[in-house]
Amino acid sequence: MTWYAAIDLHSNNNVLVVIDAHDHVVYQQRLANELAVILQGLAVYEADLHGIAIESTSRAFSI
């Protein structure tokens, strides 16, 4: 099976989602922003993972 992942990145956590080739969500979890935790969430899908998209934004502040 083909899997695709997306990570919605926040300041201290993220939402990791894995979908199949038919756009069905097979995994969705809020995780800490720690590489080991994220890799553990992806481990089951690793062999057939075809891509990871990471969304993040930065905000510029002026004083």
PDB file of N, CA and C in Angstrom:
ATOM      1  N   MET A   1       0.860  -1.181   0.000  1.00  0.00           N
ATOM      2  CA  MET A   1       0.000   0.000   0.000  1.00  0.00           C
ATOM      3  C   MET A   1       0.899   1.234   0.000  1.00  0.00           C
ATOM      4  N   THR A   2       0.432   2.280  -0.629  1.00  0.00           N
ATOM      5  CA  THR A   2       1.156   3.548  -0.685  1.00  0.00           C
ATOM      6  C   THR A   2       0.609   4.490   0.376  1.00  0.00           C
ATOM      7  N   TRP A   3       1.518   5.106   1.133  1.00  0.00           N
ATOM      8  CA  TRP A   3       1.135   6.044   2.192  1.00  0.00           C
ATOM      9  C   TRP A   3       1.753   7.413   1.917  1.00  0.00           C
ATOM     10  N   TYR A   4       1.049   8.454   2.365  1.00  0.00           N
ATOM     11  CA  TYR A   4       1.541   9.829   2.297  1.00  0.00           C
ATOM     12  C   TYR A   4       1.310  10.451   3.668  1.00  0.00           C
ATOM     13  N   ALA A   5       2.241  11.267   4.114  1.00  0.00           N
ATOM     14  CA  ALA A   5       2.107  11.887   5.430  1.00  0.00           C
ATOM     15  C   ALA A   5       2.137  13.402   5.305  1.00  0.00           C
ATOM     16  N   ALA A   6       1.502  14.051   6.271  1.00  0.00           N
ATOM     17  CA  ALA A   6       1.538  15.507   6.372  1.00  0.00           C
ATOM     18  C   ALA A   6       1.697  15.860   7.838  1.00  0.00           C
ATOM     19  N   ILE A   7       2.466  16.905   8.081  1.00  0.00           N
ATOM     20  CA  ILE A   7       2.678  17.375   9.447  1.00  0.00           C
ATOM     21  C   ILE A   7       2.298  18.843   9.500  1.00  0.00           C
ATOM     22  N   ASP A   8       1.328  19.168  10.341  1.00  0.00           N
ATOM     23  CA  ASP A   8       0.931  20.556  10.596  1.00  0.00           C
ATOM     24  C   ASP A   8       1.698  20.988  11.839  1.00  0.00           C
ATOM     25  N   LEU A   9       2.696  21.815  11.647  1.00  0.00           N
ATOM     26  CA  LEU A   9       3.642  22.157  12.698  1.00  0.00           C
ATOM     27  C   LEU A   9       3.200  23.386  13.475  1.00  0.00           C
ATOM     28  N   HIS A  10       3.226  23.283  14.802  1.00  0.00           N
ATOM     29  CA  HIS A  10       2.925  24.381  15.710  1.00  0.00           C
ATOM     30  C   HIS A  10       4.154  24.629  16.574  1.00  0.00           C
ATOM     31  N   SER A  11       4.072  25.588  17.479  1.00  0.00           N
ATOM     32  CA  SER A  11       5.257  25.969  18.262  1.00  0.00           C
ATOM     33  C   SER A  11       5.796  24.842  19.146  1.00  0.00           C
ATOM     34  N   ASN A  12       4.928  24.066  19.780  1.00  0.00           N
ATOM     35  CA  ASN A  12       5.426  23.009  20.665  1.00  0.00           C
ATOM     36  C   ASN A  12       4.794  21.642  20.407  1.00  0.00           C
ATOM     37  N   ASN A  13       3.978  21.534  19.359  1.00  0.00           N
ATOM     38  CA  ASN A  13       3.387  20.245  18.992  1.00  0.00           C
ATOM     39  C   ASN A  13       3.085  20.257  17.503  1.00  0.00           C
ATOM     40  N   ASN A  14       2.624  19.131  17.016  1.00  0.00           N
ATOM     41  CA  ASN A  14       2.260  19.026  15.610  1.00  0.00           C
ATOM     42  C   ASN A  14       1.132  18.027  15.477  1.00  0.00           C
ATOM     43  N   VAL A  15       0.474  18.056  14.339  1.00  0.00           N
ATOM     44  CA  VAL A  15      -0.526  17.037  14.021  1.00  0.00           C
ATOM     45  C   VAL A  15       0.017  16.256  12.836  1.00  0.00           C
ATOM     46  N   LEU A  16       0.216  14.975  13.064  1.00  0.00           N
ATOM     47  CA  LEU A  16       0.721  14.070  12.036  1.00  0.00           C
ATOM     48  C   LEU A  16      -0.449  13.296  11.458  1.00  0.00           C
ATOM     49  N   VAL A  17      -0.574  13.324  10.140  1.00  0.00           N
ATOM     50  CA  VAL A  17      -1.645  12.608   9.449  1.00  0.00           C
ATOM     51  C   VAL A  17      -1.017  11.735   8.374  1.00  0.00           C
ATOM     52  N   VAL A  18      -1.481  10.508   8.278  1.00  0.00           N
ATOM     53  CA  VAL A  18      -1.058   9.609   7.203  1.00  0.00           C
ATOM     54  C   VAL A  18      -2.317   9.214   6.441  1.00  0.00           C
ATOM     55  N   ILE A  19      -2.243   9.317   5.107  1.00  0.00           N
ATOM     56  CA  ILE A  19      -3.372   8.928   4.258  1.00  0.00           C
ATOM     57  C   ILE A  19      -2.918   7.849   3.286  1.00  0.00           C
ATOM     58  N   ASP A  20      -3.892   7.130   2.745  1.00  0.00           N
ATOM     59  CA  ASP A  20      -3.581   6.135   1.726  1.00  0.00           C
ATOM     60  C   ASP A  20      -3.743   6.757   0.337  1.00  0.00           C
ATOM     61  N   ALA A  21      -3.566   5.978  -0.695  1.00  0.00           N
ATOM     62  CA  ALA A  21      -3.631   6.473  -2.062  1.00  0.00           C
ATOM     63  C   ALA A  21      -5.023   6.943  -2.467  1.00  0.00           C
ATOM     64  N   HIS A  22      -6.027   6.615  -1.660  1.00  0.00           N
ATOM     65  CA  HIS A  22      -7.408   7.024  -1.939  1.00  0.00           C
ATOM     66  C   HIS A  22      -7.849   8.162  -1.033  1.00  0.00           C
ATOM     67  N   ASP A  23      -6.900   8.836  -0.401  1.00  0.00           N
ATOM     68  CA  ASP A  23      -7.145   9.975   0.493  1.00  0.00           C
ATOM     69  C   ASP A  23      -7.892   9.618   1.774  1.00  0.00           C
ATOM     70  N   HIS A  24      -7.851   8.365   2.199  1.00  0.00           N
ATOM     71  CA  HIS A  24      -8.457   7.966   3.465  1.00  0.00           C
ATOM     72  C   HIS A  24      -7.439   8.150   4.581  1.00  0.00           C
ATOM     73  N   VAL A  25      -7.854   8.823   5.641  1.00  0.00           N
ATOM     74  CA  VAL A  25      -6.970   9.020   6.784  1.00  0.00           C
ATOM     75  C   VAL A  25      -6.822   7.691   7.523  1.00  0.00           C
ATOM     76  N   VAL A  26      -5.591   7.241   7.678  1.00  0.00           N
ATOM     77  CA  VAL A  26      -5.334   5.980   8.383  1.00  0.00           C
ATOM     78  C   VAL A  26      -4.669   6.225   9.735  1.00  0.00           C
ATOM     79  N   TYR A  27      -4.165   7.443   9.937  1.00  0.00           N
ATOM     80  CA  TYR A  27      -3.524   7.795  11.210  1.00  0.00           C
ATOM     81  C   TYR A  27      -3.605   9.299  11.371  1.00  0.00           C
ATOM     82  N   GLN A  28      -4.010   9.745  12.557  1.00  0.00           N
ATOM     83  CA  GLN A  28      -4.027  11.172  12.875  1.00  0.00           C
ATOM     84  C   GLN A  28      -3.788  11.310  14.358  1.00  0.00           C
ATOM     85  N   GLN A  29      -2.749  12.083  14.711  1.00  0.00           N
ATOM     86  CA  GLN A  29      -2.399  12.204  16.124  1.00  0.00           C
ATOM     87  C   GLN A  29      -1.667  13.517  16.364  1.00  0.00           C
ATOM     88  N   ARG A  30      -1.986  14.170  17.488  1.00  0.00           N
ATOM     89  CA  ARG A  30      -1.217  15.336  17.930  1.00  0.00           C
ATOM     90  C   ARG A  30      -0.014  14.806  18.699  1.00  0.00           C
ATOM     91  N   LEU A  31       1.174  15.270  18.319  1.00  0.00           N
ATOM     92  CA  LEU A  31       2.416  14.780  18.897  1.00  0.00           C
ATOM     93  C   LEU A  31       3.284  15.944  19.367  1.00  0.00           C
ATOM     94  N   ALA A  32       4.187  15.654  20.265  1.00  0.00           N
ATOM     95  CA  ALA A  32       5.174  16.644  20.686  1.00  0.00           C
ATOM     96  C   ALA A  32       6.161  16.865  19.546  1.00  0.00           C
ATOM     97  N   ASN A  33       6.748  18.039  19.495  1.00  0.00           N
ATOM     98  CA  ASN A  33       7.751  18.338  18.480  1.00  0.00           C
ATOM     99  C   ASN A  33       9.100  17.752  18.875  1.00  0.00           C
ATOM    100  N   GLU A  34       9.139  16.448  18.903  1.00  0.00           N
ATOM    101  CA  GLU A  34      10.363  15.707  19.201  1.00  0.00           C
ATOM    102  C   GLU A  34      10.544  14.681  18.090  1.00  0.00           C
ATOM    103  N   LEU A  35      11.719  14.694  17.474  1.00  0.00           N
ATOM    104  CA  LEU A  35      11.966  13.833  16.325  1.00  0.00           C
ATOM    105  C   LEU A  35      11.667  12.364  16.616  1.00  0.00           C
ATOM    106  N   ALA A  36      12.095  11.876  17.769  1.00  0.00           N
ATOM    107  CA  ALA A  36      11.875  10.462  18.104  1.00  0.00           C
ATOM    108  C   ALA A  36      10.385  10.128  18.157  1.00  0.00           C
ATOM    109  N   VAL A  37       9.578  11.036  18.661  1.00  0.00           N
ATOM    110  CA  VAL A  37       8.127  10.818  18.759  1.00  0.00           C
ATOM    111  C   VAL A  37       7.500  10.783  17.363  1.00  0.00           C
ATOM    112  N   ILE A  38       7.928  11.696  16.513  1.00  0.00           N
ATOM    113  CA  ILE A  38       7.393  11.748  15.147  1.00  0.00           C
ATOM    114  C   ILE A  38       7.801  10.504  14.363  1.00  0.00           C
ATOM    115  N   LEU A  39       9.047  10.120  14.482  1.00  0.00           N
ATOM    116  CA  LEU A  39       9.517   8.914  13.786  1.00  0.00           C
ATOM    117  C   LEU A  39       8.784   7.669  14.271  1.00  0.00           C
ATOM    118  N   GLN A  40       8.460   7.622  15.551  1.00  0.00           N
ATOM    119  CA  GLN A  40       7.706   6.487  16.081  1.00  0.00           C
ATOM    120  C   GLN A  40       6.301   6.456  15.465  1.00  0.00           C
ATOM    121  N   GLY A  41       5.687   7.621  15.296  1.00  0.00           N
ATOM    122  CA  GLY A  41       4.367   7.685  14.669  1.00  0.00           C
ATOM    123  C   GLY A  41       4.380   7.226  13.225  1.00  0.00           C
ATOM    124  N   LEU A  42       5.499   7.462  12.544  1.00  0.00           N
ATOM    125  CA  LEU A  42       5.620   7.078  11.137  1.00  0.00           C
ATOM    126  C   LEU A  42       6.150   5.664  10.931  1.00  0.00           C
ATOM    127  N   ALA A  43       6.666   5.036  11.953  1.00  0.00           N
ATOM    128  CA  ALA A  43       7.378   3.755  11.832  1.00  0.00           C
ATOM    129  C   ALA A  43       6.554   2.667  11.141  1.00  0.00           C
ATOM    130  N   VAL A  44       5.294   2.572  11.442  1.00  0.00           N
ATOM    131  CA  VAL A  44       4.441   1.519  10.870  1.00  0.00           C
ATOM    132  C   VAL A  44       4.319   1.680   9.356  1.00  0.00           C
ATOM    133  N   TYR A  45       4.408   2.918   8.875  1.00  0.00           N
ATOM    134  CA  TYR A  45       4.184   3.221   7.458  1.00  0.00           C
ATOM    135  C   TYR A  45       5.484   3.388   6.673  1.00  0.00           C
ATOM    136  N   GLU A  46       6.612   3.310   7.341  1.00  0.00           N
ATOM    137  CA  GLU A  46       7.907   3.664   6.770  1.00  0.00           C
ATOM    138  C   GLU A  46       8.239   2.951   5.459  1.00  0.00           C
ATOM    139  N   ALA A  47       7.989   1.681   5.365  1.00  0.00           N
ATOM    140  CA  ALA A  47       8.391   0.909   4.182  1.00  0.00           C
ATOM    141  C   ALA A  47       7.719   1.399   2.906  1.00  0.00           C
ATOM    142  N   ASP A  48       6.491   1.869   2.998  1.00  0.00           N
ATOM    143  CA  ASP A  48       5.740   2.298   1.815  1.00  0.00           C
ATOM    144  C   ASP A  48       5.379   3.775   1.837  1.00  0.00           C
ATOM    145  N   LEU A  49       6.094   4.559   2.630  1.00  0.00           N
ATOM    146  CA  LEU A  49       5.834   6.000   2.726  1.00  0.00           C
ATOM    147  C   LEU A  49       6.466   6.690   1.518  1.00  0.00           C
ATOM    148  N   HIS A  50       5.636   7.345   0.707  1.00  0.00           N
ATOM    149  CA  HIS A  50       6.114   7.944  -0.541  1.00  0.00           C
ATOM    150  C   HIS A  50       6.331   9.439  -0.459  1.00  0.00           C
ATOM    151  N   GLY A  51       5.967  10.057   0.629  1.00  0.00           N
ATOM    152  CA  GLY A  51       6.210  11.486   0.757  1.00  0.00           C
ATOM    153  C   GLY A  51       5.705  12.030   2.074  1.00  0.00           C
ATOM    154  N   ILE A  52       6.339  13.117   2.515  1.00  0.00           N
ATOM    155  CA  ILE A  52       5.925  13.817   3.726  1.00  0.00           C
ATOM    156  C   ILE A  52       5.879  15.300   3.398  1.00  0.00           C
ATOM    157  N   ALA A  53       4.747  15.936   3.651  1.00  0.00           N
ATOM    158  CA  ALA A  53       4.601  17.380   3.485  1.00  0.00           C
ATOM    159  C   ALA A  53       4.547  18.007   4.876  1.00  0.00           C
ATOM    160  N   ILE A  54       5.281  19.089   5.052  1.00  0.00           N
ATOM    161  CA  ILE A  54       5.305  19.768   6.342  1.00  0.00           C
ATOM    162  C   ILE A  54       4.839  21.203   6.139  1.00  0.00           C
ATOM    163  N   GLU A  55       3.793  21.581   6.876  1.00  0.00           N
ATOM    164  CA  GLU A  55       3.248  22.923   6.806  1.00  0.00           C
ATOM    165  C   GLU A  55       3.674  23.681   8.047  1.00  0.00           C
ATOM    166  N   SER A  56       4.249  24.831   7.841  1.00  0.00           N
ATOM    167  CA  SER A  56       4.545  25.695   8.975  1.00  0.00           C
ATOM    168  C   SER A  56       4.533  27.140   8.497  1.00  0.00           C
ATOM    169  N   THR A  57       4.306  28.017   9.406  1.00  0.00           N
ATOM    170  CA  THR A  57       4.340  29.438   9.077  1.00  0.00           C
ATOM    171  C   THR A  57       5.189  30.146  10.105  1.00  0.00           C
ATOM    172  N   SER A  58       5.750  31.219   9.728  1.00  0.00           N
ATOM    173  CA  SER A  58       6.470  32.042  10.694  1.00  0.00           C
ATOM    174  C   SER A  58       5.871  33.433  10.643  1.00  0.00           C
ATOM    175  N   ARG A  59       5.886  34.068  11.759  1.00  0.00           N
ATOM    176  CA  ARG A  59       5.292  35.378  11.875  1.00  0.00           C
ATOM    177  C   ARG A  59       6.384  36.370  12.245  1.00  0.00           C
ATOM    178  N   ALA A  60       6.451  37.450  11.552  1.00  0.00           N
ATOM    179  CA  ALA A  60       7.424  38.486  11.883  1.00  0.00           C
ATOM    180  C   ALA A  60       6.746  39.524  12.770  1.00  0.00           C
ATOM    181  N   PHE A  61       7.417  39.872  13.827  1.00  0.00           N
ATOM    182  CA  PHE A  61       6.884  40.876  14.752  1.00  0.00           C
ATOM    183  C   PHE A  61       7.796  42.098  14.735  1.00  0.00           C
ATOM    184  N   SER A  62       7.207  43.240  14.801  1.00  0.00           N
ATOM    185  CA  SER A  62       8.010  44.455  14.960  1.00  0.00           C
ATOM    186  C   SER A  62       7.517  45.189  16.184  1.00  0.00           C
ATOM    187  N   ILE A  63       8.452  45.826  16.842  1.00  0.00           N
ATOM    188  CA  ILE A  63       8.114  46.544  18.095  1.00  0.00           C
ATOM    189  C   ILE A  63       8.334  48.014  17.878  1.00  0.00           C
TER     190      ILE A  63
END
